[in-house]
C-alpha atoms as a PDB file:
ATOM      1  CA  MET A   1       8.619  21.088   3.344  1.00  0.00           C
ATOM      2  CA  ASP A   2       7.724  22.660   6.689  1.00  0.00           C
ATOM      3  CA  TRP A   3       4.276  21.179   7.229  1.00  0.00           C
ATOM      4  CA  LYS A   4       3.808  23.025  10.517  1.00  0.00           C
ATOM      5  CA  SER A   5       4.055  26.359   8.712  1.00  0.00           C
ATOM      6  CA  LYS A   6       0.921  25.637   6.693  1.00  0.00           C
ATOM      7  CA  PRO A   7      -2.123  27.731   7.625  1.00  0.00           C
ATOM      8  CA  VAL A   8      -4.897  26.343   9.805  1.00  0.00           C
ATOM      9  CA  GLY A   9      -7.538  24.587   7.723  1.00  0.00           C
ATOM     10  CA  ILE A  10      -7.313  22.790   4.377  1.00  0.00           C
ATOM     11  CA  THR A  11      -4.572  23.736   1.911  1.00  0.00           C
ATOM     12  CA  LYS A  12      -4.676  22.185  -1.555  1.00  0.00           C
ATOM     13  CA  GLU A  13      -1.712  22.549  -3.881  1.00  0.00           C
ATOM     14  CA  VAL A  14      -0.072  20.923  -6.860  1.00  0.00           C
ATOM     15  CA  VAL A  15       3.699  20.693  -6.505  1.00  0.00           C
ATOM     16  CA  PRO A  16       5.513  20.858  -9.878  1.00  0.00           C
ATOM     17  CA  PHE A  17       7.572  17.832 -10.804  1.00  0.00           C
ATOM     18  CA  GLY A  18       8.887  17.083 -14.283  1.00  0.00           C
ATOM     19  CA  LYS A  19       7.737  18.002 -17.772  1.00  0.00           C
ATOM     20  CA  ARG A  20       5.661  16.280 -20.435  1.00  0.00           C
ATOM     21  CA  ILE A  21       6.608  16.291 -24.105  1.00  0.00           C
ATOM     22  CA  ASP A  22       4.226  19.201 -24.777  1.00  0.00           C
ATOM     23  CA  GLY A  23       5.997  21.290 -22.134  1.00  0.00           C
ATOM     24  CA  SER A  24       3.239  21.053 -19.543  1.00  0.00           C
ATOM     25  CA  THR A  25       4.209  20.362 -15.942  1.00  0.00           C
ATOM     26  CA  VAL A  26       3.570  17.124 -14.120  1.00  0.00           C
ATOM     27  CA  GLY A  27       2.236  18.145 -10.717  1.00  0.00           C
ATOM     28  CA  ILE A  28       1.893  16.111  -7.523  1.00  0.00           C
ATOM     29  CA  PRO A  29      -1.312  16.892  -5.560  1.00  0.00           C
ATOM     30  CA  ILE A  30      -0.859  17.499  -1.830  1.00  0.00           C
ATOM     31  CA  VAL A  31      -3.590  18.376   0.651  1.00  0.00           C
ATOM     32  CA  THR A  32      -2.549  19.639   4.081  1.00  0.00           C
ATOM     33  CA  ALA A  33      -5.143  19.631   6.862  1.00  0.00           C
ATOM     34  CA  ARG A  34      -3.880  21.597   9.859  1.00  0.00           C
ATOM     35  CA  GLY A  35      -5.597  21.942  13.208  1.00  0.00           C
ATOM     36  CA  ARG A  36      -5.689  24.943  15.522  1.00  0.00           C
ATOM     37  CA  ALA A  37      -3.700  23.174  18.243  1.00  0.00           C
ATOM     38  CA  ASP A  38      -0.254  21.614  18.054  1.00  0.00           C
ATOM     39  CA  GLY A  39       0.068  17.874  17.564  1.00  0.00           C
ATOM     40  CA  PRO A  40       1.749  15.183  15.481  1.00  0.00           C
ATOM     41  CA  THR A  41       2.110  15.203  11.707  1.00  0.00           C
ATOM     42  CA  ILE A  42       0.719  12.121   9.985  1.00  0.00           C
ATOM     43  CA  MET A  43       1.388  11.495   6.280  1.00  0.00           C
ATOM     44  CA  VAL A  44      -1.031   9.358   4.258  1.00  0.00           C
ATOM     45  CA  VAL A  45      -0.021   8.481   0.691  1.00  0.00           C
ATOM     46  CA  GLY A  46      -2.020   6.928  -2.146  1.00  0.00           C
ATOM     47  CA  GLY A  47      -1.231   6.191  -5.758  1.00  0.00           C
ATOM     48  CA  VAL A  48       2.362   5.044  -5.336  1.00  0.00           C
ATOM     49  CA  HIS A  49       1.189   2.558  -7.955  1.00  0.00           C
ATOM     50  CA  GLY A  50      -0.968   4.281 -10.549  1.00  0.00           C
ATOM     51  CA  ASN A  51      -3.544   1.490 -10.948  1.00  0.00           C
ATOM     52  CA  GLU A  52      -4.336   1.185  -7.228  1.00  0.00           C
ATOM     53  CA  GLN A  53      -7.116   3.716  -6.814  1.00  0.00           C
ATOM     54  CA  GLU A  54      -8.626   2.593  -3.503  1.00  0.00           C
ATOM     55  CA  GLY A  55      -6.266   4.729  -1.439  1.00  0.00           C
ATOM     56  CA  MET A  56      -6.798   7.749  -3.680  1.00  0.00           C
ATOM     57  CA  HIS A  57     -10.539   7.748  -3.062  1.00  0.00           C
ATOM     58  CA  ALA A  58     -10.193   6.968   0.644  1.00  0.00           C
ATOM     59  CA  ILE A  59      -7.788   9.856   1.257  1.00  0.00           C
ATOM     60  CA  LEU A  60      -9.901  12.406  -0.607  1.00  0.00           C
ATOM     61  CA  SER A  61     -13.085  11.177   1.066  1.00  0.00           C
ATOM     62  CA  CYS A  62     -11.409  11.552   4.451  1.00  0.00           C
ATOM     63  CA  ILE A  63     -10.379  15.130   3.612  1.00  0.00           C
ATOM     64  CA  ARG A  64     -13.970  15.953   2.610  1.00  0.00           C
ATOM     65  CA  HIS A  65     -15.237  14.884   6.023  1.00  0.00           C
ATOM     66  CA  LEU A  66     -12.517  16.497   8.184  1.00  0.00           C
ATOM     67  CA  ASP A  67     -13.300  19.369  10.523  1.00  0.00           C
ATOM     68  CA  THR A  68      -9.930  21.017  11.077  1.00  0.00           C
ATOM     69  CA  SER A  69     -11.334  23.179  13.874  1.00  0.00           C
ATOM     70  CA  LYS A  70     -11.399  19.986  15.957  1.00  0.00           C
ATOM     71  CA  MET A  71      -7.937  18.785  14.911  1.00  0.00           C
ATOM     72  CA  ARG A  72      -4.583  18.885  16.694  1.00  0.00           C
ATOM     73  CA  GLY A  73      -1.523  18.681  14.510  1.00  0.00           C
ATOM     74  CA  THR A  74      -1.395  18.039  10.779  1.00  0.00           C
ATOM     75  CA  LEU A  75      -2.537  15.526   8.209  1.00  0.00           C
ATOM     76  CA  VAL A  76      -0.388  15.522   5.066  1.00  0.00           C
ATOM     77  CA  ALA A  77      -2.422  13.791   2.362  1.00  0.00           C
ATOM     78  CA  ILE A  78      -0.929  12.846  -1.006  1.00  0.00           C
ATOM     79  CA  PRO A  79      -3.815  11.172  -2.857  1.00  0.00           C
ATOM     80  CA  VAL A  80      -1.869  10.413  -6.064  1.00  0.00           C
ATOM     81  CA  LEU A  81       1.906  10.307  -5.688  1.00  0.00           C
ATOM     82  CA  ASN A  82       2.828   8.633  -8.974  1.00  0.00           C
ATOM     83  CA  VAL A  83       0.890  10.917 -11.329  1.00  0.00           C
ATOM     84  CA  GLY A  84       2.765   9.655 -14.397  1.00  0.00           C
ATOM     85  CA  ALA A  85       1.656   6.093 -13.672  1.00  0.00           C
ATOM     86  CA  PHE A  86      -1.892   7.194 -12.816  1.00  0.00           C
ATOM     87  CA  GLU A  87      -2.296   9.030 -16.135  1.00  0.00           C
ATOM     88  CA  HIS A  88      -1.474   5.774 -17.939  1.00  0.00           C
ATOM     89  CA  LYS A  89      -3.528   3.594 -15.553  1.00  0.00           C
ATOM     90  CA  GLN A  90      -0.462   1.468 -14.926  1.00  0.00           C
ATOM     91  CA  ARG A  91       1.461   0.245 -11.893  1.00  0.00           C
ATOM     92  CA  GLY A  92       4.518   2.323 -12.786  1.00  0.00           C
ATOM     93  CA  PHE A  93       5.315   5.189 -15.121  1.00  0.00           C
ATOM     94  CA  PRO A  94       5.702   3.471 -18.528  1.00  0.00           C
ATOM     95  CA  LEU A  95       7.724   6.310 -20.062  1.00  0.00           C
ATOM     96  CA  ASP A  96      10.485   5.799 -17.512  1.00  0.00           C
ATOM     97  CA  TYR A  97      12.221   3.024 -19.414  1.00  0.00           C
ATOM     98  CA  TRP A  98      14.903   2.443 -16.810  1.00  0.00           C
ATOM     99  CA  TYR A  99      13.006   2.397 -13.525  1.00  0.00           C
ATOM    100  CA  TYR A 100       9.329   1.538 -13.764  1.00  0.00           C
ATOM    101  CA  ASP A 101       8.150   0.736 -10.218  1.00  0.00           C
ATOM    102  CA  LEU A 102       8.332   3.666  -7.797  1.00  0.00           C
ATOM    103  CA  ASN A 103       7.895   1.406  -4.770  1.00  0.00           C
ATOM    104  CA  ARG A 104      11.102  -0.452  -5.555  1.00  0.00           C
ATOM    105  CA  VAL A 105      13.576   2.409  -6.053  1.00  0.00           C
ATOM    106  CA  PHE A 106      13.619   4.237  -2.713  1.00  0.00           C
ATOM    107  CA  PRO A 107      15.684   6.119  -1.567  1.00  0.00           C
ATOM    108  CA  GLY A 108      15.981   7.192  -5.209  1.00  0.00           C
ATOM    109  CA  LYS A 109      18.436   9.661  -6.745  1.00  0.00           C
ATOM    110  CA  LYS A 110      18.168  13.437  -6.991  1.00  0.00           C
ATOM    111  CA  ARG A 111      19.560  13.416 -10.545  1.00  0.00           C
ATOM    112  CA  GLY A 112      18.179  10.024 -11.499  1.00  0.00           C
ATOM    113  CA  SER A 113      15.322   9.048 -13.787  1.00  0.00           C
ATOM    114  CA  TYR A 114      11.779  10.402 -13.308  1.00  0.00           C
ATOM    115  CA  THR A 115      10.905   7.604 -10.895  1.00  0.00           C
ATOM    116  CA  GLU A 116      14.182   7.765  -8.982  1.00  0.00           C
ATOM    117  CA  ALA A 117      14.009  11.561  -8.676  1.00  0.00           C
ATOM    118  CA  LEU A 118      10.416  11.384  -7.417  1.00  0.00           C
ATOM    119  CA  ALA A 119      11.452   8.894  -4.731  1.00  0.00           C
ATOM    120  CA  ASP A 120      14.285  11.212  -3.691  1.00  0.00           C
ATOM    121  CA  LYS A 121      11.977  14.247  -3.510  1.00  0.00           C
ATOM    122  CA  VAL A 122       9.501  12.415  -1.287  1.00  0.00           C
ATOM    123  CA  LEU A 123      12.182  11.145   1.048  1.00  0.00           C
ATOM    124  CA  THR A 124      14.339  14.278   1.311  1.00  0.00           C
ATOM    125  CA  GLU A 125      11.751  17.073   1.080  1.00  0.00           C
ATOM    126  CA  TRP A 126       8.374  15.749   2.233  1.00  0.00           C
ATOM    127  CA  VAL A 127       9.043  13.046   4.830  1.00  0.00           C
ATOM    128  CA  PRO A 128      11.300  15.048   7.217  1.00  0.00           C
ATOM    129  CA  GLY A 129       9.234  16.296  10.148  1.00  0.00           C
ATOM    130  CA  VAL A 130       6.561  13.623   9.726  1.00  0.00           C
ATOM    131  CA  ASP A 131       5.767  11.453  12.772  1.00  0.00           C
ATOM    132  CA  ALA A 132       4.219   8.455  10.955  1.00  0.00           C
ATOM    133  CA  ILE A 133       3.550   7.341   7.369  1.00  0.00           C
ATOM    134  CA  VAL A 134       0.661   5.327   5.957  1.00  0.00           C
ATOM    135  CA  SER A 135       1.217   4.267   2.325  1.00  0.00           C
ATOM    136  CA  ILE A 136      -2.004   2.708   0.983  1.00  0.00           C
ATOM    137  CA  HIS A 137      -1.879  -0.041  -1.641  1.00  0.00           C
ATOM    138  CA  SER A 138      -4.178  -2.638  -3.183  1.00  0.00           C
ATOM    139  CA  GLY A 139      -3.993  -5.615  -5.490  1.00  0.00           C
ATOM    140  CA  GLY A 140      -4.285  -3.258  -8.460  1.00  0.00           C
ATOM    141  CA  ASP A 141      -4.829  -4.976 -11.784  1.00  0.00           C
ATOM    142  CA  LEU A 142      -2.473  -7.794 -10.835  1.00  0.00           C
ATOM    143  CA  ALA A 143      -3.927  -9.470  -7.774  1.00  0.00           C
ATOM    144  CA  GLN A 144      -6.649  -9.908  -5.191  1.00  0.00           C
ATOM    145  CA  ALA A 145      -5.294  -8.952  -1.779  1.00  0.00           C
ATOM    146  CA  CYS A 146      -6.604  -9.698   1.685  1.00  0.00           C
ATOM    147  CA  LYS A 147      -6.786  -6.955   4.295  1.00  0.00           C
ATOM    148  CA  ARG A 148      -3.273  -6.830   5.702  1.00  0.00           C
ATOM    149  CA  SER A 149      -0.776  -4.333   7.020  1.00  0.00           C
ATOM    150  CA  ILE A 150       2.822  -4.628   5.825  1.00  0.00           C
ATOM    151  CA  VAL A 151       5.364  -3.243   8.288  1.00  0.00           C
ATOM    152  CA  PRO A 152       9.166  -2.951   8.119  1.00  0.00           C
ATOM    153  CA  THR A 153       9.567  -4.619  11.531  1.00  0.00           C
ATOM    154  CA  HIS A 154       7.377  -5.872  14.331  1.00  0.00           C
ATOM    155  CA  SER A 155       8.529  -2.979  16.532  1.00  0.00           C
ATOM    156  CA  GLU A 156       6.269  -1.615  19.256  1.00  0.00           C
ATOM    157  CA  GLU A 157       5.603   1.613  17.326  1.00  0.00           C
ATOM    158  CA  ASN A 158       4.860  -0.191  14.061  1.00  0.00           C
ATOM    159  CA  LEU A 159       2.475  -2.547  15.855  1.00  0.00           C
ATOM    160  CA  ARG A 160       0.764   0.442  17.451  1.00  0.00           C
ATOM    161  CA  LEU A 161       0.209   1.872  13.984  1.00  0.00           C
ATOM    162  CA  ALA A 162      -0.969  -1.520  12.686  1.00  0.00           C
ATOM    163  CA  LYS A 163      -3.358  -1.943  15.610  1.00  0.00           C
ATOM    164  CA  ALA A 164      -4.807   1.482  14.832  1.00  0.00           C
ATOM    165  CA  MET A 165      -5.898   0.260  11.391  1.00  0.00           C
ATOM    166  CA  GLY A 166      -8.856  -1.079  13.336  1.00  0.00           C
ATOM    167  CA  PRO A 167     -11.119  -4.163  13.345  1.00  0.00           C
ATOM    168  CA  GLY A 168     -10.607  -6.531  10.422  1.00  0.00           C
ATOM    169  CA  TRP A 169      -6.936  -5.682  10.039  1.00  0.00           C
ATOM    170  CA  GLU A 170      -5.526  -8.579  12.047  1.00  0.00           C
ATOM    171  CA  VAL A 171      -2.849  -9.667   9.563  1.00  0.00           C
ATOM    172  CA  ILE A 172       0.483  -7.905  10.134  1.00  0.00           C
ATOM    173  CA  ALA A 173       3.075  -8.972   7.573  1.00  0.00           C
ATOM    174  CA  ILE A 174       6.780  -8.632   6.876  1.00  0.00           C
ATOM    175  CA  GLY A 175       8.154  -9.638   3.494  1.00  0.00           C
ATOM    176  CA  ILE A 176      11.024 -12.126   3.400  1.00  0.00           C
ATOM    177  CA  GLY A 177      12.932 -13.897   0.647  1.00  0.00           C
ATOM    178  CA  ASP A 178      12.439 -11.934  -2.580  1.00  0.00           C
ATOM    179  CA  ARG A 179      10.569  -9.272  -0.587  1.00  0.00           C
ATOM    180  CA  GLU A 180      13.329  -8.658   1.924  1.00  0.00           C
ATOM    181  CA  ASP A 181      15.103  -5.289   1.700  1.00  0.00           C
ATOM    182  CA  VAL A 182      12.953  -4.045  -1.200  1.00  0.00           C
ATOM    183  CA  GLY A 183      13.253  -0.263  -1.583  1.00  0.00           C
ATOM    184  CA  THR A 184       9.713   0.731  -0.613  1.00  0.00           C
ATOM    185  CA  LEU A 185       8.668   4.127   0.733  1.00  0.00           C
ATOM    186  CA  THR A 186       7.775   2.751   4.146  1.00  0.00           C
ATOM    187  CA  GLU A 187      10.843   0.506   4.508  1.00  0.00           C
ATOM    188  CA  VAL A 188      13.341   3.244   3.662  1.00  0.00           C
ATOM    189  CA  ALA A 189      11.567   6.071   5.493  1.00  0.00           C
ATOM    190  CA  ALA A 190      11.417   3.956   8.657  1.00  0.00           C
ATOM    191  CA  LYS A 191      15.154   3.282   8.505  1.00  0.00           C
ATOM    192  CA  GLU A 192      16.253   6.809   7.623  1.00  0.00           C
ATOM    193  CA  TYR A 193      13.991   8.737   9.986  1.00  0.00           C
ATOM    194  CA  ASN A 194      13.246   6.189  12.722  1.00  0.00           C
ATOM    195  CA  ILE A 195       9.486   6.666  12.472  1.00  0.00           C
ATOM    196  CA  PRO A 196       6.633   4.138  12.402  1.00  0.00           C
ATOM    197  CA  THR A 197       5.396   3.303   8.920  1.00  0.00           C
ATOM    198  CA  ILE A 198       2.815   0.944   7.487  1.00  0.00           C
ATOM    199  CA  THR A 199       1.569  -0.259   4.109  1.00  0.00           C
ATOM    200  CA  PRO A 200      -2.089  -1.338   4.292  1.00  0.00           C
ATOM    201  CA  GLU A 201      -3.259  -3.367   1.330  1.00  0.00           C
ATOM    202  CA  LEU A 202      -6.637  -4.713   0.260  1.00  0.00           C
ATOM    203  CA  GLY A 203      -8.821  -5.337  -2.754  1.00  0.00           C
ATOM    204  CA  GLY A 204      -7.821  -4.945  -6.365  1.00  0.00           C
ATOM    205  CA  ALA A 205      -9.464  -5.026  -9.770  1.00  0.00           C
ATOM    206  CA  CYS A 206     -11.669  -7.993  -8.849  1.00  0.00           C
ATOM    207  CA  TRP A 207     -13.365  -5.866  -6.156  1.00  0.00           C
ATOM    208  CA  ARG A 208     -14.246  -2.880  -8.328  1.00  0.00           C
ATOM    209  CA  LEU A 209     -17.925  -3.396  -8.910  1.00  0.00           C
ATOM    210  CA  PRO A 210     -19.609  -0.440  -7.174  1.00  0.00           C
ATOM    211  CA  ASP A 211     -20.684  -2.020  -3.874  1.00  0.00           C
ATOM    212  CA  ALA A 212     -17.433  -3.899  -3.243  1.00  0.00           C
ATOM    213  CA  TYR A 213     -15.273  -0.934  -4.224  1.00  0.00           C
ATOM    214  CA  ILE A 214     -17.221   1.539  -2.091  1.00  0.00           C
ATOM    215  CA  GLU A 215     -16.956  -0.853   0.844  1.00  0.00           C
ATOM    216  CA  ASN A 216     -13.160  -1.131   0.493  1.00  0.00           C
ATOM    217  CA  VAL A 217     -12.753   2.629   0.156  1.00  0.00           C
ATOM    218  CA  GLY A 218     -14.923   3.061   3.231  1.00  0.00           C
ATOM    219  CA  GLU A 219     -12.809   0.584   5.188  1.00  0.00           C
ATOM    220  CA  LEU A 220      -9.670   2.524   4.350  1.00  0.00           C
ATOM    221  CA  GLU A 221     -11.242   5.863   5.245  1.00  0.00           C
ATOM    222  CA  LYS A 222     -12.313   4.456   8.627  1.00  0.00           C
ATOM    223  CA  SER A 223      -8.744   3.282   9.190  1.00  0.00           C
ATOM    224  CA  ILE A 224      -7.289   6.721   8.422  1.00  0.00           C
ATOM    225  CA  VAL A 225      -9.686   8.319  10.902  1.00  0.00           C
ATOM    226  CA  ASN A 226      -8.900   5.623  13.465  1.00  0.00           C
ATOM    227  CA  ILE A 227      -5.159   6.306  13.107  1.00  0.00           C
ATOM    228  CA  LEU A 228      -5.746  10.043  13.561  1.00  0.00           C
ATOM    229  CA  ARG A 229      -7.632   9.237  16.765  1.00  0.00           C
ATOM    230  CA  GLU A 230      -4.860   6.914  17.940  1.00  0.00           C
ATOM    231  CA  TYR A 231      -2.307   9.714  17.641  1.00  0.00           C
ATOM    232  CA  GLY A 232      -4.551  12.395  19.131  1.00  0.00           C
ATOM    233  CA  VAL A 233      -5.030  14.354  15.919  1.00  0.00           C
ATOM    234  CA  LEU A 234      -8.785  13.770  16.221  1.00  0.00           C
ATOM    235  CA  ASP A 235     -10.942  13.297  19.284  1.00  0.00           C
ATOM    236  CA  GLY A 236     -12.560   9.954  19.896  1.00  0.00           C
ATOM    237  CA  LYS A 237     -11.538   6.526  21.067  1.00  0.00           C
ATOM    238  CA  PRO A 238      -9.857   4.351  18.406  1.00  0.00           C
ATOM    239  CA  SER A 239     -11.111   0.841  17.716  1.00  0.00           C
ATOM    240  CA  TYR A 240      -8.798  -2.155  17.493  1.00  0.00           C
ATOM    241  CA  PRO A 241      -8.848  -5.723  16.193  1.00  0.00           C
ATOM    242  CA  LYS A 242      -9.122  -8.382  18.917  1.00  0.00           C
ATOM    243  CA  GLU A 243      -5.715  -9.787  18.000  1.00  0.00           C
ATOM    244  CA  LEU A 244      -2.767  -9.266  15.682  1.00  0.00           C
ATOM    245  CA  TRP A 245      -1.439 -12.055  13.455  1.00  0.00           C
ATOM    246  CA  LEU A 246       2.296 -11.498  13.160  1.00  0.00           C
ATOM    247  CA  SER A 247       3.303 -13.066   9.864  1.00  0.00           C
ATOM    248  CA  THR A 248       5.906 -13.268   7.152  1.00  0.00           C
ATOM    249  CA  TYR A 249       5.174 -13.796   3.478  1.00  0.00           C
ATOM    250  CA  GLU A 250       6.955 -14.649   0.251  1.00  0.00           C
ATOM    251  CA  PRO A 251       5.980 -14.289  -3.413  1.00  0.00           C
ATOM    252  CA  ILE A 252       4.959 -17.487  -5.202  1.00  0.00           C
ATOM    253  CA  ARG A 253       5.928 -17.559  -8.880  1.00  0.00           C
ATOM    254  CA  ALA A 254       4.804 -19.472 -11.946  1.00  0.00           C
ATOM    255  CA  GLU A 255       7.483 -20.498 -14.418  1.00  0.00           C
ATOM    256  CA  ASN A 256       5.173 -20.558 -17.447  1.00  0.00           C
ATOM    257  CA  ALA A 257       2.854 -18.160 -19.259  1.00  0.00           C
ATOM    258  CA  GLY A 258      -0.651 -19.321 -20.081  1.00  0.00           C
ATOM    259  CA  LEU A 259      -4.174 -19.610 -18.715  1.00  0.00           C
ATOM    260  CA  ILE A 260      -4.611 -19.880 -14.942  1.00  0.00           C
ATOM    261  CA  TRP A 261      -7.001 -22.468 -13.536  1.00  0.00           C
ATOM    262  CA  LEU A 262      -7.503 -21.715  -9.836  1.00  0.00           C
ATOM    263  CA  LYS A 263      -7.820 -24.630  -7.427  1.00  0.00           C
ATOM    264  CA  PRO A 264     -10.173 -24.522  -4.405  1.00  0.00           C
ATOM    265  CA  ALA A 265      -7.228 -23.776  -2.091  1.00  0.00           C
ATOM    266  CA  CYS A 266      -6.431 -20.521  -3.924  1.00  0.00           C
ATOM    267  CA  ARG A 267      -8.818 -18.181  -2.155  1.00  0.00           C
ATOM    268  CA  VAL A 268      -8.005 -15.072  -0.109  1.00  0.00           C
ATOM    269  CA  MET A 269      -7.339 -16.006   3.556  1.00  0.00           C
ATOM    270  CA  GLN A 270      -7.720 -19.732   2.783  1.00  0.00           C
ATOM    271  CA  GLU A 271      -5.455 -21.907   4.948  1.00  0.00           C
ATOM    272  CA  VAL A 272      -3.176 -24.157   2.891  1.00  0.00           C
ATOM    273  CA  LYS A 273      -0.747 -26.964   3.641  1.00  0.00           C
ATOM    274  CA  ALA A 274       2.642 -27.407   2.028  1.00  0.00           C
ATOM    275  CA  GLY A 275       2.172 -29.199  -1.299  1.00  0.00           C
ATOM    276  CA  ALA A 276      -1.447 -28.084  -1.743  1.00  0.00           C
ATOM    277  CA  GLU A 277      -2.273 -27.370  -5.380  1.00  0.00           C
ATOM    278  CA  LEU A 278      -2.998 -23.668  -5.883  1.00  0.00           C
ATOM    279  CA  MET A 279      -3.406 -23.345  -9.628  1.00  0.00           C
ATOM    280  CA  GLU A 280      -2.779 -25.072 -12.951  1.00  0.00           C
ATOM    281  CA  ILE A 281      -1.147 -23.235 -15.870  1.00  0.00           C
ATOM    282  CA  THR A 282      -2.112 -24.451 -19.342  1.00  0.00           C
ATOM    283  CA  ASP A 283      -1.341 -23.368 -22.881  1.00  0.00           C
ATOM    284  CA  TYR A 284      -4.010 -22.175 -25.338  1.00  0.00           C
ATOM    285  CA  LEU A 285      -4.856 -25.765 -26.225  1.00  0.00           C
ATOM    286  CA  GLY A 286      -5.471 -26.751 -22.607  1.00  0.00           C
ATOM    287  CA  ASN A 287      -2.240 -28.700 -22.196  1.00  0.00           C
ATOM    288  CA  THR A 288      -0.915 -28.543 -18.638  1.00  0.00           C
ATOM    289  CA  LEU A 289       2.381 -26.693 -18.408  1.00  0.00           C
ATOM    290  CA  GLU A 290       2.704 -26.422 -14.651  1.00  0.00           C
ATOM    291  CA  VAL A 291       0.896 -26.948 -11.367  1.00  0.00           C
ATOM    292  CA  VAL A 292       1.774 -24.328  -8.757  1.00  0.00           C
ATOM    293  CA  VAL A 293       1.800 -25.695  -5.211  1.00  0.00           C
ATOM    294  CA  ALA A 294       2.154 -24.144  -1.764  1.00  0.00           C
ATOM    295  CA  PRO A 295       5.810 -24.356  -0.652  1.00  0.00           C
ATOM    296  CA  TYR A 296       4.893 -24.229   3.050  1.00  0.00           C
ATOM    297  CA  ASP A 297       1.933 -24.181   5.442  1.00  0.00           C
ATOM    298  CA  GLY A 298       0.194 -20.825   5.663  1.00  0.00           C
ATOM    299  CA  PHE A 299      -2.750 -18.763   4.428  1.00  0.00           C
ATOM    300  CA  MET A 300      -3.336 -17.015   1.119  1.00  0.00           C
ATOM    301  CA  VAL A 301      -2.734 -13.261   1.355  1.00  0.00           C
ATOM    302  CA  LEU A 302      -2.536 -12.618  -2.409  1.00  0.00           C
ATOM    303  CA  ILE A 303      -4.010 -14.533  -5.348  1.00  0.00           C
ATOM    304  CA  PRO A 304      -4.157 -13.787  -9.106  1.00  0.00           C
ATOM    305  CA  GLY A 305      -6.269 -10.850 -10.183  1.00  0.00           C
ATOM    306  CA  THR A 306      -6.615 -12.116 -13.755  1.00  0.00           C
ATOM    307  CA  PRO A 307      -6.946 -15.714 -15.024  1.00  0.00           C
ATOM    308  CA  SER A 308      -3.943 -15.564 -17.338  1.00  0.00           C
ATOM    309  CA  LEU A 309      -0.213 -14.853 -17.443  1.00  0.00           C
ATOM    310  CA  SER A 310       1.507 -13.250 -20.420  1.00  0.00           C
ATOM    311  CA  VAL A 311       5.018 -14.164 -19.295  1.00  0.00           C
ATOM    312  CA  GLY A 312       6.593 -16.806 -17.113  1.00  0.00           C
ATOM    313  CA  LYS A 313       8.586 -16.360 -13.900  1.00  0.00           C
ATOM    314  CA  THR A 314       5.857 -14.024 -12.666  1.00  0.00           C
ATOM    315  CA  GLN A 315       4.490 -13.669  -9.154  1.00  0.00           C
ATOM    316  CA  VAL A 316       1.043 -15.216  -8.987  1.00  0.00           C
ATOM    317  CA  ALA A 317       0.397 -15.389  -5.245  1.00  0.00           C
ATOM    318  CA  SER A 318       1.743 -14.800  -1.759  1.00  0.00           C
ATOM    319  CA  ILE A 319       1.358 -17.064   1.233  1.00  0.00           C
ATOM    320  CA  GLY A 320       1.467 -15.755   4.773  1.00  0.00           C
ATOM    321  CA  LYS A 321       3.262 -17.797   7.403  1.00  0.00           C
ATOM    322  CA  LEU A 322       1.820 -17.172  10.861  1.00  0.00           C
ATOM    323  CA  LEU A 323       4.460 -16.543  13.527  1.00  0.00           C
ATOM    324  CA  LYS A 324       2.171 -15.870  16.478  1.00  0.00           C
ATOM    325  CA  LYS A 325      -1.082 -14.241  17.525  1.00  0.00           C
ATOM    326  CA  ILE A 326      -1.023 -11.357  19.999  1.00  0.00           C
ATOM    327  CA  PRO A 327      -4.190 -10.392  21.900  1.00  0.00           C
ATOM    328  CA  VAL A 328      -4.938  -6.676  21.690  1.00  0.00           C
ATOM    329  CA  LYS A 329      -5.697  -5.002  24.999  1.00  0.00           C
END
């Protein structure tokens, strides 16, 4: 897709992709906001996971408030990438029996399953020519997530993008262990096209009462605008956090299914010591099956979004391990 060939102003389109059983077309919504002057092309993506709606609202709200006559360059906004998953209100597309989670299959396959082919289309047709990618996520129905920015590496350009998320976005994380080399949009796009990418994450189902949800959506919209200012797409001085917390994180798993009893240490951004009890898993009769403990010192970046597990060997939390703090100038 040649984004720079789009007309000045707002262009809304639905790009055909795949067929439903009734013969109707699955379409991916794309909004292109193009300024009158030349400038960088920034891609912002929501709905990679269909039950993470915060980014969808933030992107569309940002588009509503944009004045393209004052823009330089292009904003490529994909509010709902994984339409199949969104229609079922699930993390992944449940009718793709082979590959469920879109954010694990990049770079995908042109002649693969629905999910694989969608990943390939994004990477081969939509990402080329883009100067930076922001892929917005949340805790969804699975977890409560702190405000953090996941980056492929702590490179100068990635940290610039992370800094531009603005005040409150101090935590900059890289996944290790089970999270290392996962086929996410931002990981693979960064490697293949040598561009800065970032995955901001916050909230989840536990923050979806009106006031909390509106606040989170507003925070994300402010971050999108701040990034556009950082890259000169919009006028105005960007705001930054006072410092960046460079961190790694790993998934913490429970071996047993059952009811989750959260301990005081299991709170978003709570500091924990190795061996601290995070949660107790019991059966339906209240018998203790397992006590999940922190494997190392750190702070809670992800905690359970629901107080139960239907299957064992499931991720129930993530703990950030602080590497260093960098003052922002």
